[in-house]
Structures are given as structure tokens and as C-alpha cells.
N, C-alpha and C. Protein backbone atom coordinates (compact mmCIF):
# COMPACT_ATOMS: atom_id res chain seq x y z
N UNK A 1 -45.62 39.97 112.61
CA UNK A 1 -45.55 40.44 114.13
C UNK A 1 -44.22 40.03 114.65
N UNK A 2 -44.14 38.64 114.19
CA UNK A 2 -43.26 37.61 114.84
C UNK A 2 -43.21 37.49 116.11
N UNK A 3 -42.57 36.14 116.21
CA UNK A 3 -42.66 35.62 117.88
C UNK A 3 -42.06 36.75 118.92
N UNK A 4 -42.65 36.80 119.93
CA UNK A 4 -42.06 37.95 120.88
C UNK A 4 -40.85 37.10 121.56
N UNK A 5 -40.19 37.86 122.19
CA UNK A 5 -39.14 37.29 122.90
C UNK A 5 -39.39 37.79 124.47
N UNK A 6 -39.96 38.43 124.66
CA UNK A 6 -40.40 39.04 126.36
C UNK A 6 -41.73 38.72 126.37
N UNK A 7 -42.15 38.11 127.74
CA UNK A 7 -43.71 38.22 128.13
C UNK A 7 -43.92 38.54 129.41
N UNK A 8 -45.36 38.58 130.09
CA UNK A 8 -45.25 39.16 132.07
C UNK A 8 -46.59 38.00 132.19
N UNK A 9 -46.03 38.03 133.11
CA UNK A 9 -47.28 37.16 133.79
C UNK A 9 -48.58 38.07 134.45
N UNK A 10 -49.59 37.46 134.79
CA UNK A 10 -50.62 38.34 135.21
C UNK A 10 -50.32 39.16 136.43
N UNK A 11 -49.70 38.58 137.47
CA UNK A 11 -49.23 38.75 138.51
C UNK A 11 -48.22 39.88 138.51
N UNK A 12 -47.26 40.07 137.47
CA UNK A 12 -46.47 41.07 137.56
C UNK A 12 -46.64 42.08 136.78
N UNK A 13 -47.81 41.72 135.63
CA UNK A 13 -48.64 42.86 135.00
C UNK A 13 -49.11 43.69 136.42
N UNK A 14 -50.02 43.08 137.18
CA UNK A 14 -50.85 43.72 138.37
C UNK A 14 -49.54 44.78 139.34
N UNK A 15 -48.48 43.89 139.29
CA UNK A 15 -47.83 44.90 140.08
C UNK A 15 -46.81 46.27 139.36
N UNK A 16 -46.89 45.81 138.01
CA UNK A 16 -46.29 46.96 137.41
C UNK A 16 -47.52 48.09 137.18
N UNK A 17 -48.84 47.99 137.21
CA UNK A 17 -49.90 48.50 137.14
C UNK A 17 -49.93 49.27 138.50
N UNK A 18 -49.18 48.91 139.49
CA UNK A 18 -49.22 49.46 140.97
C UNK A 18 -48.05 50.69 140.91
N UNK A 19 -46.97 50.07 140.50
CA UNK A 19 -45.47 50.88 140.64
C UNK A 19 -45.69 52.36 139.46
N UNK A 20 -46.66 51.90 138.36
CA UNK A 20 -46.99 53.20 137.68
C UNK A 20 -47.49 54.02 138.26
N UNK A 21 -48.47 53.41 139.02
CA UNK A 21 -49.46 54.54 139.75
C UNK A 21 -48.53 54.71 140.86
N UNK A 22 -48.02 54.57 141.46
CA UNK A 22 -47.37 55.04 142.98
C UNK A 22 -46.11 55.80 142.42
N UNK A 23 -45.72 55.80 141.43
CA UNK A 23 -44.60 56.17 140.88
C UNK A 23 -44.79 57.76 139.60
N UNK A 24 -46.18 57.22 139.38
CA UNK A 24 -46.22 58.42 138.43
C UNK A 24 -45.49 58.65 136.91
N UNK A 25 -44.84 57.98 136.91
CA UNK A 25 -43.77 57.51 135.81
C UNK A 25 -43.94 56.79 134.89
N UNK A 26 -43.68 56.83 133.76
CA UNK A 26 -43.63 55.21 132.69
C UNK A 26 -42.37 54.33 133.40
N UNK A 27 -42.38 52.94 133.31
CA UNK A 27 -41.74 52.18 133.53
C UNK A 27 -40.39 51.55 132.60
N UNK A 28 -39.78 51.03 132.90
CA UNK A 28 -38.76 50.23 132.13
C UNK A 28 -38.13 49.13 132.37
N UNK A 29 -38.08 47.67 132.28
CA UNK A 29 -36.88 47.08 132.63
C UNK A 29 -35.66 47.03 132.10
N UNK A 30 -34.43 46.57 132.71
CA UNK A 30 -33.48 46.14 132.04
C UNK A 30 -32.81 44.91 132.70
N UNK A 31 -32.70 43.63 131.85
CA UNK A 31 -32.23 42.02 132.18
C UNK A 31 -30.94 42.06 132.59
N UNK A 32 -30.29 41.90 134.12
CA UNK A 32 -29.36 41.98 134.19
C UNK A 32 -28.63 40.79 133.74
N UNK A 33 -27.11 41.35 133.65
CA UNK A 33 -26.37 40.19 133.55
C UNK A 33 -25.83 39.18 134.36
N UNK A 34 -26.13 39.47 135.54
CA UNK A 34 -25.28 38.75 136.87
C UNK A 34 -24.71 39.73 137.79
N UNK A 35 -23.43 39.64 138.63
CA UNK A 35 -23.05 40.19 139.26
C UNK A 35 -23.57 40.53 140.63
N UNK A 36 -23.93 41.81 140.94
CA UNK A 36 -24.12 42.16 142.50
C UNK A 36 -25.88 41.96 142.18
N UNK A 37 -26.65 41.71 141.42
CA UNK A 37 -27.68 41.79 141.35
C UNK A 37 -28.51 40.66 140.94
N UNK A 38 -27.52 39.68 140.97
CA UNK A 38 -27.85 38.56 140.21
C UNK A 38 -28.19 38.35 138.66
N UNK A 39 -29.32 37.59 138.21
CA UNK A 39 -29.98 38.03 136.69
C UNK A 39 -31.18 38.47 136.96
N UNK A 40 -31.32 39.00 137.93
CA UNK A 40 -33.07 39.59 138.20
C UNK A 40 -33.12 40.66 137.08
N UNK A 41 -34.16 40.72 136.63
CA UNK A 41 -34.92 42.10 135.90
C UNK A 41 -35.13 43.19 136.73
N UNK A 42 -34.71 44.10 136.45
CA UNK A 42 -34.17 45.63 137.25
C UNK A 42 -35.54 46.20 136.47
N UNK A 43 -36.39 46.61 137.29
CA UNK A 43 -37.46 47.78 136.48
C UNK A 43 -37.21 48.98 137.59
N UNK A 44 -37.31 50.29 136.49
CA UNK A 44 -36.93 51.33 136.97
C UNK A 44 -37.50 52.38 136.27
N UNK A 45 -38.10 53.66 136.83
CA UNK A 45 -38.59 54.65 136.24
C UNK A 45 -37.93 54.91 134.68
N UNK A 46 -38.69 55.13 133.75
CA UNK A 46 -37.76 55.66 132.48
C UNK A 46 -36.98 56.86 132.54
N UNK A 47 -35.87 56.40 132.38
CA UNK A 47 -34.94 57.99 132.61
C UNK A 47 -33.68 57.21 133.52
N UNK A 48 -34.25 56.63 134.44
CA UNK A 48 -33.51 56.56 135.76
C UNK A 48 -32.10 55.72 134.98
N UNK A 49 -32.54 54.66 134.24
CA UNK A 49 -31.32 53.80 134.07
C UNK A 49 -30.93 53.88 132.23
N UNK A 50 -30.18 54.30 132.05
CA UNK A 50 -30.10 54.95 130.73
C UNK A 50 -29.28 53.66 129.74
N UNK A 51 -30.22 53.51 128.85
CA UNK A 51 -29.54 52.38 127.74
C UNK A 51 -29.10 52.81 126.50
N UNK A 52 -28.18 52.04 125.94
CA UNK A 52 -27.54 52.79 124.96
C UNK A 52 -26.70 51.36 123.89
N UNK A 53 -26.04 51.92 122.83
CA UNK A 53 -25.71 51.38 121.47
C UNK A 53 -25.35 49.89 122.18
N UNK A 54 -25.23 49.18 123.49
CA UNK A 54 -24.54 48.13 124.21
C UNK A 54 -25.61 47.65 124.52
N UNK A 55 -26.95 47.85 124.43
CA UNK A 55 -28.01 47.05 124.75
C UNK A 55 -29.00 47.05 124.09
N UNK A 56 -29.99 46.10 124.24
CA UNK A 56 -30.79 45.60 122.98
C UNK A 56 -32.02 45.49 123.77
N UNK A 57 -33.35 46.13 122.50
CA UNK A 57 -34.85 45.79 123.29
C UNK A 57 -35.23 44.90 122.74
N UNK A 58 -35.65 43.46 123.73
CA UNK A 58 -36.17 42.78 123.73
C UNK A 58 -37.60 43.06 123.17
N UNK A 59 -38.25 43.84 123.76
CA UNK A 59 -39.57 44.09 123.61
C UNK A 59 -40.00 44.92 124.61
N UNK A 60 -41.68 45.27 124.15
CA UNK A 60 -42.24 45.95 125.43
C UNK A 60 -43.46 45.26 125.75
N UNK A 61 -43.78 45.38 126.72
CA UNK A 61 -44.89 44.71 127.69
C UNK A 61 -46.20 45.62 127.63
N UNK A 62 -47.47 45.13 127.33
CA UNK A 62 -48.37 45.91 127.33
C UNK A 62 -49.14 45.15 128.72
N UNK A 63 -49.30 46.14 129.86
CA UNK A 63 -49.67 45.34 130.76
C UNK A 63 -51.06 46.24 131.50
N UNK A 64 -51.47 47.05 130.87
CA UNK A 64 -52.65 47.99 131.13
C UNK A 64 -52.26 49.55 131.57
N UNK A 65 -50.79 50.09 131.85
CA UNK A 65 -50.24 51.16 131.75
C UNK A 65 -50.60 52.04 130.41
N UNK A 66 -50.31 53.25 130.98
CA UNK A 66 -50.82 54.27 129.68
C UNK A 66 -49.92 54.29 129.02
N UNK A 67 -48.66 53.65 128.90
CA UNK A 67 -47.75 53.39 128.33
C UNK A 67 -46.91 51.71 128.07
N UNK A 68 -46.61 50.96 127.07
CA UNK A 68 -45.68 50.07 127.24
C UNK A 68 -44.37 50.22 128.04
N UNK A 69 -44.19 49.10 128.60
CA UNK A 69 -43.47 48.79 129.76
C UNK A 69 -41.86 48.10 128.69
N UNK A 70 -40.92 49.04 128.04
CA UNK A 70 -40.00 48.56 127.09
C UNK A 70 -39.10 47.67 128.26
N UNK A 71 -38.53 46.45 127.64
CA UNK A 71 -37.71 45.42 128.42
C UNK A 71 -36.05 45.21 127.47
N UNK A 72 -35.27 45.72 128.14
CA UNK A 72 -33.90 45.85 127.88
C UNK A 72 -32.83 45.14 128.14
N UNK A 73 -32.09 44.31 127.34
CA UNK A 73 -31.06 43.58 128.15
C UNK A 73 -29.80 44.33 127.25
N UNK A 74 -28.33 43.86 127.91
CA UNK A 74 -26.84 44.16 127.54
C UNK A 74 -26.78 43.11 126.28
N UNK A 75 -26.05 43.75 125.10
CA UNK A 75 -25.84 43.11 124.22
C UNK A 75 -25.44 41.75 124.18
N UNK A 76 -24.31 41.94 125.39
CA UNK A 76 -23.52 40.67 125.69
C UNK A 76 -24.44 39.57 126.17
N UNK A 77 -25.33 39.99 126.88
CA UNK A 77 -26.01 39.02 127.92
C UNK A 77 -27.30 38.39 126.59
N UNK A 78 -27.61 39.37 125.55
CA UNK A 78 -28.27 38.82 124.59
C UNK A 78 -27.86 37.67 123.92
N UNK A 79 -26.19 37.92 123.70
CA UNK A 79 -26.10 36.89 122.84
C UNK A 79 -26.21 35.78 123.26
N UNK A 80 -25.80 35.59 124.63
CA UNK A 80 -25.92 34.13 125.70
C UNK A 80 -27.54 33.78 125.22
N UNK A 81 -28.65 34.68 125.78
CA UNK A 81 -30.05 34.35 126.01
C UNK A 81 -30.77 34.43 124.36
N UNK A 82 -30.39 34.81 123.27
CA UNK A 82 -30.93 35.13 122.24
C UNK A 82 -32.06 33.73 121.57
N UNK A 83 -31.33 32.77 122.15
CA UNK A 83 -32.53 31.54 122.07
C UNK A 83 -33.31 31.06 123.01
N UNK A 84 -33.78 32.05 123.76
CA UNK A 84 -35.00 31.81 124.95
C UNK A 84 -35.69 33.15 125.02
N UNK A 85 -37.19 32.67 125.17
CA UNK A 85 -38.28 33.58 125.92
C UNK A 85 -37.90 33.76 127.25
N UNK A 86 -38.25 34.89 127.37
CA UNK A 86 -38.15 35.71 128.75
C UNK A 86 -39.54 35.68 129.34
N UNK A 87 -40.19 35.60 130.34
CA UNK A 87 -41.15 35.86 130.95
C UNK A 87 -40.80 36.32 132.27
N UNK A 88 -41.32 37.66 132.46
CA UNK A 88 -41.32 38.39 133.79
C UNK A 88 -42.33 38.17 134.76
N UNK A 89 -42.22 37.54 135.76
CA UNK A 89 -42.66 37.09 136.54
C UNK A 89 -42.63 37.64 138.17
N UNK A 90 -43.19 37.72 139.08
CA UNK A 90 -43.03 38.38 140.19
C UNK A 90 -43.05 36.95 141.69
N UNK A 91 -42.74 37.23 142.75
CA UNK A 91 -42.59 36.49 143.70
C UNK A 91 -42.36 36.95 145.14
N UNK A 92 -42.46 36.78 146.35
CA UNK A 92 -42.69 36.91 147.70
C UNK A 92 -41.21 37.33 147.90
N UNK A 93 -40.86 38.37 148.73
CA UNK A 93 -39.49 38.18 148.69
C UNK A 93 -38.77 39.85 148.11
N UNK A 94 -37.60 40.08 148.78
CA UNK A 94 -36.93 41.44 148.77
C UNK A 94 -35.75 41.06 148.06
N UNK A 95 -35.69 41.53 146.61
CA UNK A 95 -34.30 41.31 145.86
C UNK A 95 -33.11 42.27 145.94
N UNK A 96 -32.18 42.04 145.76
CA UNK A 96 -31.04 42.88 146.05
C UNK A 96 -30.99 43.78 144.73
N UNK A 97 -30.52 44.87 144.63
CA UNK A 97 -30.29 45.88 143.57
C UNK A 97 -31.08 46.90 144.07
N UNK A 98 -31.81 47.71 142.61
CA UNK A 98 -32.09 49.41 142.91
C UNK A 98 -33.14 48.85 141.82
N UNK A 99 -33.81 47.77 141.89
CA UNK A 99 -35.06 47.68 141.52
C UNK A 99 -36.51 48.56 142.33
N UNK A 100 -37.00 48.52 141.65
CA UNK A 100 -38.22 50.21 142.35
C UNK A 100 -39.07 48.92 143.10
N UNK A 101 -39.49 47.80 142.87
CA UNK A 101 -40.22 46.90 143.24
C UNK A 101 -40.31 46.63 144.77
N UNK A 102 -38.81 46.72 145.19
CA UNK A 102 -38.09 46.28 146.77
C UNK A 102 -39.06 46.75 147.68
N UNK A 103 -39.77 47.79 147.64
CA UNK A 103 -40.52 47.91 148.99
C UNK A 103 -41.49 47.48 149.06
N UNK A 104 -42.23 46.91 148.21
CA UNK A 104 -43.40 46.29 148.22
C UNK A 104 -43.61 44.71 148.47
N UNK A 105 -42.47 44.56 149.17
CA UNK A 105 -42.29 42.91 149.42
C UNK A 105 -42.36 41.99 148.54
N UNK A 106 -41.91 42.47 147.59
CA UNK A 106 -42.00 41.30 146.25
C UNK A 106 -40.80 41.63 145.66
N UNK A 107 -40.48 40.43 144.32
CA UNK A 107 -39.56 41.11 143.41
C UNK A 107 -39.88 39.99 142.31
N UNK A 108 -39.02 40.66 141.30
CA UNK A 108 -39.35 40.37 139.98
C UNK A 108 -38.25 39.34 139.67
N UNK A 109 -38.82 38.57 138.96
CA UNK A 109 -37.66 37.21 138.30
C UNK A 109 -37.84 36.81 136.94
N UNK A 110 -37.00 36.39 136.50
CA UNK A 110 -37.56 35.59 135.16
C UNK A 110 -37.49 34.22 135.23
N UNK A 111 -38.64 33.73 134.21
CA UNK A 111 -38.59 32.32 133.64
C UNK A 111 -38.51 32.08 132.25
N UNK A 112 -37.71 31.22 131.86
CA UNK A 112 -36.90 31.33 130.54
C UNK A 112 -37.56 29.63 130.15
N UNK A 113 -37.51 29.82 128.78
CA UNK A 113 -37.36 28.61 128.03
C UNK A 113 -36.78 28.76 126.93
N UNK A 114 -36.66 27.67 125.93
CA UNK A 114 -35.70 27.76 124.42
C UNK A 114 -36.79 27.86 123.36
N UNK A 115 -36.71 28.60 122.55
CA UNK A 115 -37.76 28.61 121.55
C UNK A 115 -37.60 27.34 120.95
N UNK A 116 -38.89 27.19 120.55
CA UNK A 116 -38.84 26.08 119.24
C UNK A 116 -38.66 26.70 117.92
N UNK A 117 -38.41 25.65 117.32
CA UNK A 117 -37.77 25.67 115.77
C UNK A 117 -38.70 26.77 115.28
N UNK A 118 -40.10 26.54 115.29
CA UNK A 118 -40.89 27.39 114.43
C UNK A 118 -40.85 28.69 114.89
N UNK A 119 -40.81 28.61 116.42
CA UNK A 119 -40.24 30.21 117.07
C UNK A 119 -39.40 30.70 116.47
N UNK A 120 -38.32 30.16 116.70
CA UNK A 120 -37.18 30.66 116.09
C UNK A 120 -37.13 31.53 114.60
N UNK A 121 -37.42 30.69 114.06
CA UNK A 121 -37.84 30.99 112.48
C UNK A 121 -38.77 32.31 112.10
N UNK A 122 -39.59 32.61 113.47
CA UNK A 122 -40.42 33.62 113.25
C UNK A 122 -39.93 34.76 114.14
N UNK A 123 -38.97 34.95 114.64
CA UNK A 123 -38.60 35.72 115.96
C UNK A 123 -38.66 37.15 115.47
N UNK A 124 -39.44 37.93 116.25
CA UNK A 124 -39.09 39.32 115.96
C UNK A 124 -37.75 40.24 116.14
N UNK A 125 -37.58 41.01 115.48
CA UNK A 125 -36.34 41.47 115.16
C UNK A 125 -35.85 42.25 116.03
N UNK A 126 -35.07 42.79 116.75
CA UNK A 126 -34.46 43.59 117.93
C UNK A 126 -33.66 44.65 117.28
N UNK A 127 -34.12 45.53 118.18
CA UNK A 127 -32.95 46.99 118.09
C UNK A 127 -32.06 46.97 119.39
N UNK A 128 -31.22 48.01 119.27
CA UNK A 128 -30.31 48.56 119.81
C UNK A 128 -30.75 49.37 120.30
N UNK A 129 -30.07 50.13 121.62
CA UNK A 129 -30.40 51.56 122.01
C UNK A 129 -29.46 52.60 121.46
């Protein structure tokens, strides 16, 4: 199966389950590359944010929703972060941007770490949109 590039904390998984129930639609993330929304992971209902050939699928989160939550990143940003494992977490506060958790009083953030040499050798392949 290979080393996974993305993970989720239990607290973020809880919020994703609530958002899935509230919106009654599958969810997705797109990891921002900066600018207006900083470098926050943006959560959308699937189909609201369109991915394409300039995006890379980092992985899919199994959080207890009817379907996995795909996590996308722009190819340019992936080139910078390809050596890091990303964990999606949640903290109190209100983030900027269009991420759907805003009204909940929480915001998604990322925590990252560099892959070990062993993990790098075992990385799962990625695909583009």
C-alpha cells in the first residue's frame, strides 16, 4: 500500500463527520498554496471546488463518513511539499477563505513533518486530477 502522504487527527475526523451530516454531501480538501487563505487546508463539498491536471491527489481520508474524503494539492505546491507528511487537524477559531467549517467556530490546519528515509522509499504513488 505504501507510506501514506496525508492523515487526520481524531478531532478533525469528528468535525468532518459533523460537516458531512450537516451538508449531506461528500467532502473534499484542497491544500492551499498560500495567498488569501494562507496555507490552510480548505474543506468543500465535492463538486464545489473543481480539480484538474494541475492538482495532485495526496490521498483519501477514512473518517467514518459514507465515502473517503479526498485531499488534493496543487502540483506546484506538491513539488515543494513532496517530502512531507501532512496531518489535517482542527483548532478553535475562524479561518479565512471559503472552507465550510467556518461557521462552526473551528478551523482546519495542517501539521507536517519530513518523511524518514524509509518512508520516502515506500511512498504511495500520487495521481493528478
